[in-house]
Amino acid sequence: MHALVTNDDGIDSPGLAVLARAALDAGYEVTVAAPAQEASGSSASLAGAGYDGRLELEPKLAPGLPDGVRSLAVSATPALIVFAASYGALGPRPDLILSGVNLGPNTGNSVLHSGTVGAAMSGTMLGIPSAAFSLGAFRPQHWETAEHVAHHVLGWMVRTPLDGRTVNVNVPDVPVSELRGLRQAPLASFGVVQGSVVEAGERLVVMRYEAVDEPSEPESDAGWLTRCWATATLLRAPVADDGLAVPPL
């Protein structure tokens, strides 16, 4: 059994080692393949291949990786890395995709834009059980809490048919002793990070992104996360909705 660990923060993120250890402990052989540069916000983009279809691979150890884990920096988005791996480009086709652990939360409908979630959803669409993990701070201190939750979720995943669902997990950046537990939660309307336009001119727009201290939907993934609960949300896409009829032409 083989697991691929990737992310959108890049090969230098310590979150890769967290998921690599969890997969090793679950009995998987592990390959780490992450973007050579940060690819946050890339969603499920397949960018990175050259005009001739080439992907640049560079052996490079992610920080804190256990001995013996193959680790590659790839000049591509995480979704393209998953796509290539599913066709055997990086070794055996993975039996599991783990994406993250992301720096900062991926909650609400804004998961649409997340490269971390996009990579996991791409894996699911290629028929590989996949999960995305995020830690609820942009400068996390408590990686051990993310690893604790990842062990629990991975143990559930290996014995549960997901039937085309992607698991999206968010973990509060608190010590394990302060973690209140894990809840399955719906997506918030947006997330714990909101964007706004602070300046707009003829040739320049300035955007600002700020964390929301108190989400307006306390029963959502964003709401539970701010109250020290880890959350798990099952995502399914793309899904055709025939609830509204389009007039024929």
Protein backbone atom coordinates (compact mmCIF):
# COMPACT_ATOMS: atom_id res chain seq x y z
CA MET A 1 0.00 0.00 0.00
CA HIS A 2 1.39 3.33 -1.09
CA ALA A 3 0.49 6.86 0.05
CA LEU A 4 1.31 10.14 -1.67
CA VAL A 5 1.69 13.19 0.58
CA THR A 6 1.49 16.62 -1.02
CA ASN A 7 0.47 20.18 -0.13
CA ASP A 8 0.14 23.70 -1.53
CA ASP A 9 2.57 25.39 0.89
CA GLY A 10 5.57 23.85 -0.83
CA ILE A 11 8.27 21.30 -0.12
CA ASP A 12 9.72 23.31 2.80
CA SER A 13 6.60 23.06 4.96
CA PRO A 14 6.79 20.97 8.17
CA GLY A 15 3.19 19.85 7.63
CA LEU A 16 4.33 17.25 5.09
CA ALA A 17 6.22 15.27 7.73
CA VAL A 18 3.13 15.20 9.97
CA LEU A 19 1.08 13.36 7.35
CA ALA A 20 4.02 11.20 6.27
CA ARG A 21 4.39 9.89 9.83
CA ALA A 22 0.66 9.23 10.12
CA ALA A 23 0.67 7.26 6.87
CA LEU A 24 3.78 5.28 7.88
CA ASP A 25 2.19 4.40 11.21
CA ALA A 26 -0.88 3.14 9.31
CA GLY A 27 1.32 0.74 7.33
CA TYR A 28 1.75 2.67 4.07
CA GLU A 29 4.88 3.21 2.08
CA VAL A 30 5.13 6.97 1.57
CA THR A 31 6.27 9.28 -1.20
CA VAL A 32 6.28 13.02 -0.56
CA ALA A 33 5.88 15.17 -3.67
CA ALA A 34 5.11 18.84 -3.13
CA PRO A 35 5.38 22.05 -5.14
CA ALA A 36 8.88 23.48 -5.40
CA GLN A 37 7.32 26.87 -4.65
CA GLU A 38 4.22 27.86 -2.70
CA ALA A 39 1.04 27.15 -4.68
CA SER A 40 -1.63 28.39 -2.25
CA GLY A 41 -4.95 29.28 -3.86
CA SER A 42 -4.28 27.09 -6.89
CA SER A 43 -7.45 25.04 -6.37
CA ALA A 44 -7.38 22.02 -8.74
CA SER A 45 -5.28 23.79 -11.37
CA LEU A 46 -3.13 21.55 -13.57
CA ALA A 47 -0.43 24.19 -14.09
CA GLY A 48 3.28 23.50 -14.14
CA ALA A 49 3.99 21.23 -17.09
CA GLY A 50 6.17 22.69 -19.81
CA TYR A 51 4.96 23.16 -23.37
CA ASP A 52 6.27 19.66 -24.11
CA GLY A 53 4.49 18.13 -21.10
CA ARG A 54 7.61 17.86 -18.95
CA LEU A 55 7.51 18.20 -15.16
CA GLU A 56 10.68 19.18 -13.34
CA LEU A 57 11.44 16.90 -10.38
CA GLU A 58 14.15 17.57 -7.82
CA PRO A 59 15.00 15.23 -4.94
CA LYS A 60 14.62 17.39 -1.84
CA LEU A 61 13.81 16.38 1.73
CA ALA A 62 10.86 18.06 3.39
CA PRO A 63 11.77 19.17 6.94
CA GLY A 64 11.41 16.54 9.65
CA LEU A 65 10.72 13.60 7.35
CA PRO A 66 11.43 10.14 8.77
CA ASP A 67 14.42 8.33 7.29
CA GLY A 68 13.86 6.45 4.08
CA VAL A 69 10.91 8.50 2.79
CA ARG A 70 11.33 9.53 -0.84
CA SER A 71 10.78 13.27 -1.18
CA LEU A 72 10.51 15.37 -4.32
CA ALA A 73 10.10 19.05 -5.14
CA VAL A 74 7.96 19.35 -8.27
CA SER A 75 7.53 22.45 -10.41
CA ALA A 76 3.76 22.06 -10.52
CA THR A 77 0.57 22.69 -8.62
CA PRO A 78 -0.50 20.05 -6.10
CA ALA A 79 -3.41 18.87 -8.26
CA LEU A 80 -1.06 18.27 -11.20
CA ILE A 81 1.29 16.37 -8.88
CA VAL A 82 -1.62 14.12 -7.87
CA PHE A 83 -2.68 13.74 -11.50
CA ALA A 84 0.81 12.70 -12.56
CA ALA A 85 1.20 10.33 -9.61
CA SER A 86 -2.09 8.61 -10.43
CA TYR A 87 -0.57 7.61 -13.80
CA GLY A 88 2.56 6.18 -12.21
CA ALA A 89 4.85 9.15 -12.90
CA LEU A 90 6.23 9.25 -9.35
CA GLY A 91 6.33 5.54 -8.60
CA PRO A 92 3.52 3.08 -7.89
CA ARG A 93 0.01 4.49 -8.30
CA PRO A 94 -1.00 5.73 -4.82
CA ASP A 95 -3.64 3.91 -2.82
CA LEU A 96 -4.11 7.03 -0.69
CA ILE A 97 -3.64 10.79 -1.14
CA LEU A 98 -2.98 12.98 1.90
CA SER A 99 -2.74 16.73 1.33
CA GLY A 100 -1.39 19.19 3.90
CA VAL A 101 -1.02 19.84 6.72
CA ASN A 102 -1.90 23.32 5.47
CA LEU A 103 -0.72 26.50 7.16
CA GLY A 104 -4.05 28.05 8.09
CA PRO A 105 -7.63 26.76 7.92
CA ASN A 106 -9.52 25.61 4.85
CA THR A 107 -13.14 26.05 5.85
CA GLY A 108 -16.40 27.15 4.28
CA ASN A 109 -17.23 27.42 0.61
CA SER A 110 -13.84 29.05 0.08
CA VAL A 111 -12.36 25.53 -0.02
CA LEU A 112 -13.13 25.91 -3.74
CA HIS A 113 -9.95 28.00 -4.01
CA SER A 114 -7.68 25.88 -1.83
CA GLY A 115 -4.77 24.05 -3.44
CA THR A 116 -4.69 21.72 -0.45
CA VAL A 117 -8.32 20.71 -0.93
CA GLY A 118 -8.01 20.81 -4.72
CA ALA A 119 -5.26 18.20 -4.61
CA ALA A 120 -7.34 15.88 -2.44
CA MET A 121 -10.45 16.30 -4.58
CA SER A 122 -8.40 15.59 -7.69
CA GLY A 123 -7.26 12.34 -6.09
CA THR A 124 -10.84 11.37 -5.33
CA MET A 125 -11.90 12.09 -8.93
CA LEU A 126 -9.10 9.77 -10.09
CA GLY A 127 -10.46 6.98 -7.90
CA ILE A 128 -8.02 7.32 -4.99
CA PRO A 129 -9.25 7.82 -1.39
CA SER A 130 -8.08 11.30 -0.43
CA ALA A 131 -8.07 13.70 2.50
CA ALA A 132 -6.98 17.28 3.08
CA PHE A 133 -5.70 18.47 6.48
CA SER A 134 -5.30 22.05 7.69
CA LEU A 135 -4.13 23.58 10.96
CA GLY A 136 -6.04 26.65 12.05
CA ALA A 137 -3.15 29.13 12.24
CA PHE A 138 -0.87 30.63 9.62
CA ARG A 139 2.12 30.20 11.97
CA PRO A 140 1.15 26.95 13.72
CA GLN A 141 2.71 25.86 16.99
CA HIS A 142 0.94 22.56 17.66
CA TRP A 143 1.74 20.16 14.85
CA GLU A 144 1.32 17.29 17.32
CA THR A 145 -2.42 18.05 17.50
CA ALA A 146 -2.75 17.81 13.73
CA GLU A 147 -0.90 14.49 13.81
CA HIS A 148 -3.15 13.21 16.60
CA VAL A 149 -6.27 14.00 14.55
CA ALA A 150 -4.71 12.65 11.34
CA HIS A 151 -4.09 9.27 13.01
CA HIS A 152 -7.74 9.09 14.04
CA VAL A 153 -9.12 10.13 10.65
CA LEU A 154 -6.76 7.88 8.71
CA GLY A 155 -7.72 4.91 10.86
CA TRP A 156 -11.36 5.54 9.98
CA MET A 157 -10.62 6.06 6.28
CA VAL A 158 -8.80 2.75 5.78
CA ARG A 159 -11.81 0.78 6.99
CA THR A 160 -14.57 2.93 5.44
CA PRO A 161 -15.58 3.09 1.75
CA LEU A 162 -15.74 6.79 0.90
CA ASP A 163 -17.68 6.27 -2.36
CA GLY A 164 -16.38 9.36 -4.13
CA ARG A 165 -16.21 11.63 -1.10
CA THR A 166 -13.17 13.72 -0.13
CA VAL A 167 -12.42 14.24 3.56
CA ASN A 168 -11.58 17.82 4.55
CA VAL A 169 -10.21 18.14 8.08
CA ASN A 170 -9.45 21.32 10.04
CA VAL A 171 -7.61 21.22 13.36
CA PRO A 172 -7.36 24.07 15.88
CA ASP A 173 -3.83 25.18 16.73
CA VAL A 174 -4.02 24.22 20.40
CA PRO A 175 -2.27 21.57 22.53
CA VAL A 176 -3.78 18.08 22.36
CA SER A 177 -4.94 18.53 25.96
CA GLU A 178 -7.09 21.51 24.88
CA LEU A 179 -8.61 19.83 21.82
CA ARG A 180 -12.30 19.30 22.52
CA GLY A 181 -12.73 16.53 19.96
CA LEU A 182 -13.68 15.97 16.33
CA ARG A 183 -17.05 16.93 14.84
CA GLN A 184 -18.48 16.35 11.41
CA ALA A 185 -19.51 19.81 10.25
CA PRO A 186 -21.11 21.53 7.26
CA LEU A 187 -19.28 24.18 5.30
CA ALA A 188 -19.64 27.78 6.40
CA SER A 189 -20.90 30.27 3.84
CA PHE A 190 -17.33 31.39 3.28
CA GLY A 191 -14.70 30.63 5.91
CA VAL A 192 -12.61 32.12 8.70
CA VAL A 193 -10.69 34.31 6.26
CA GLN A 194 -12.52 37.06 4.36
CA GLY A 195 -11.28 39.19 1.47
CA SER A 196 -11.99 42.81 0.72
CA VAL A 197 -10.96 45.47 -1.79
CA VAL A 198 -9.15 48.31 0.01
CA GLU A 199 -8.14 50.26 -3.08
CA ALA A 200 -9.38 50.23 -6.65
CA GLY A 201 -7.97 52.35 -9.43
CA GLU A 202 -7.84 52.30 -13.18
CA ARG A 203 -4.76 50.08 -13.31
CA LEU A 204 -4.43 48.73 -9.77
CA VAL A 205 -6.58 46.86 -7.25
CA VAL A 206 -5.39 46.20 -3.69
CA MET A 207 -6.91 43.22 -1.89
CA ARG A 208 -6.73 42.47 1.83
CA TYR A 209 -7.40 39.15 3.57
CA GLU A 210 -8.25 39.08 7.27
CA ALA A 211 -9.25 36.38 9.73
CA VAL A 212 -12.74 36.56 11.22
CA ASP A 213 -12.63 36.28 15.01
CA GLU A 214 -16.21 35.09 15.48
CA PRO A 215 -17.82 33.36 12.48
CA SER A 216 -21.51 34.12 12.12
CA GLU A 217 -22.38 30.40 11.74
CA PRO A 218 -21.35 28.70 14.99
CA GLU A 219 -22.56 25.25 13.86
CA SER A 220 -20.37 25.31 10.72
CA ASP A 221 -16.82 24.05 10.23
CA ALA A 222 -15.47 27.56 10.76
CA GLY A 223 -17.57 28.05 13.89
CA TRP A 224 -16.57 24.78 15.57
CA LEU A 225 -12.91 25.34 14.72
CA THR A 226 -12.79 28.65 16.60
CA ARG A 227 -14.16 26.81 19.67
CA CYS A 228 -11.26 24.32 19.71
CA TRP A 229 -13.02 21.48 17.87
CA ALA A 230 -11.41 19.69 14.96
CA THR A 231 -13.87 19.34 12.09
CA ALA A 232 -14.35 16.84 9.28
CA THR A 233 -16.41 17.70 6.22
CA LEU A 234 -17.15 15.24 3.42
CA LEU A 235 -17.00 16.91 0.01
CA ARG A 236 -18.30 15.64 -3.30
CA ALA A 237 -17.64 17.30 -6.67
CA PRO A 238 -18.34 17.80 -9.42
CA VAL A 239 -22.02 16.97 -9.11
CA ALA A 240 -24.62 17.71 -11.77
CA ASP A 241 -27.77 19.31 -10.36
CA ASP A 242 -30.92 18.65 -12.39
CA GLY A 243 -33.21 20.39 -9.90
CA LEU A 244 -33.66 23.31 -12.31
CA ALA A 245 -34.63 22.82 -15.92
CA VAL A 246 -32.69 24.63 -18.64
CA PRO A 247 -34.94 25.38 -21.63
CA PRO A 248 -33.84 23.52 -24.75
CA LEU A 249 -32.60 25.42 -27.76
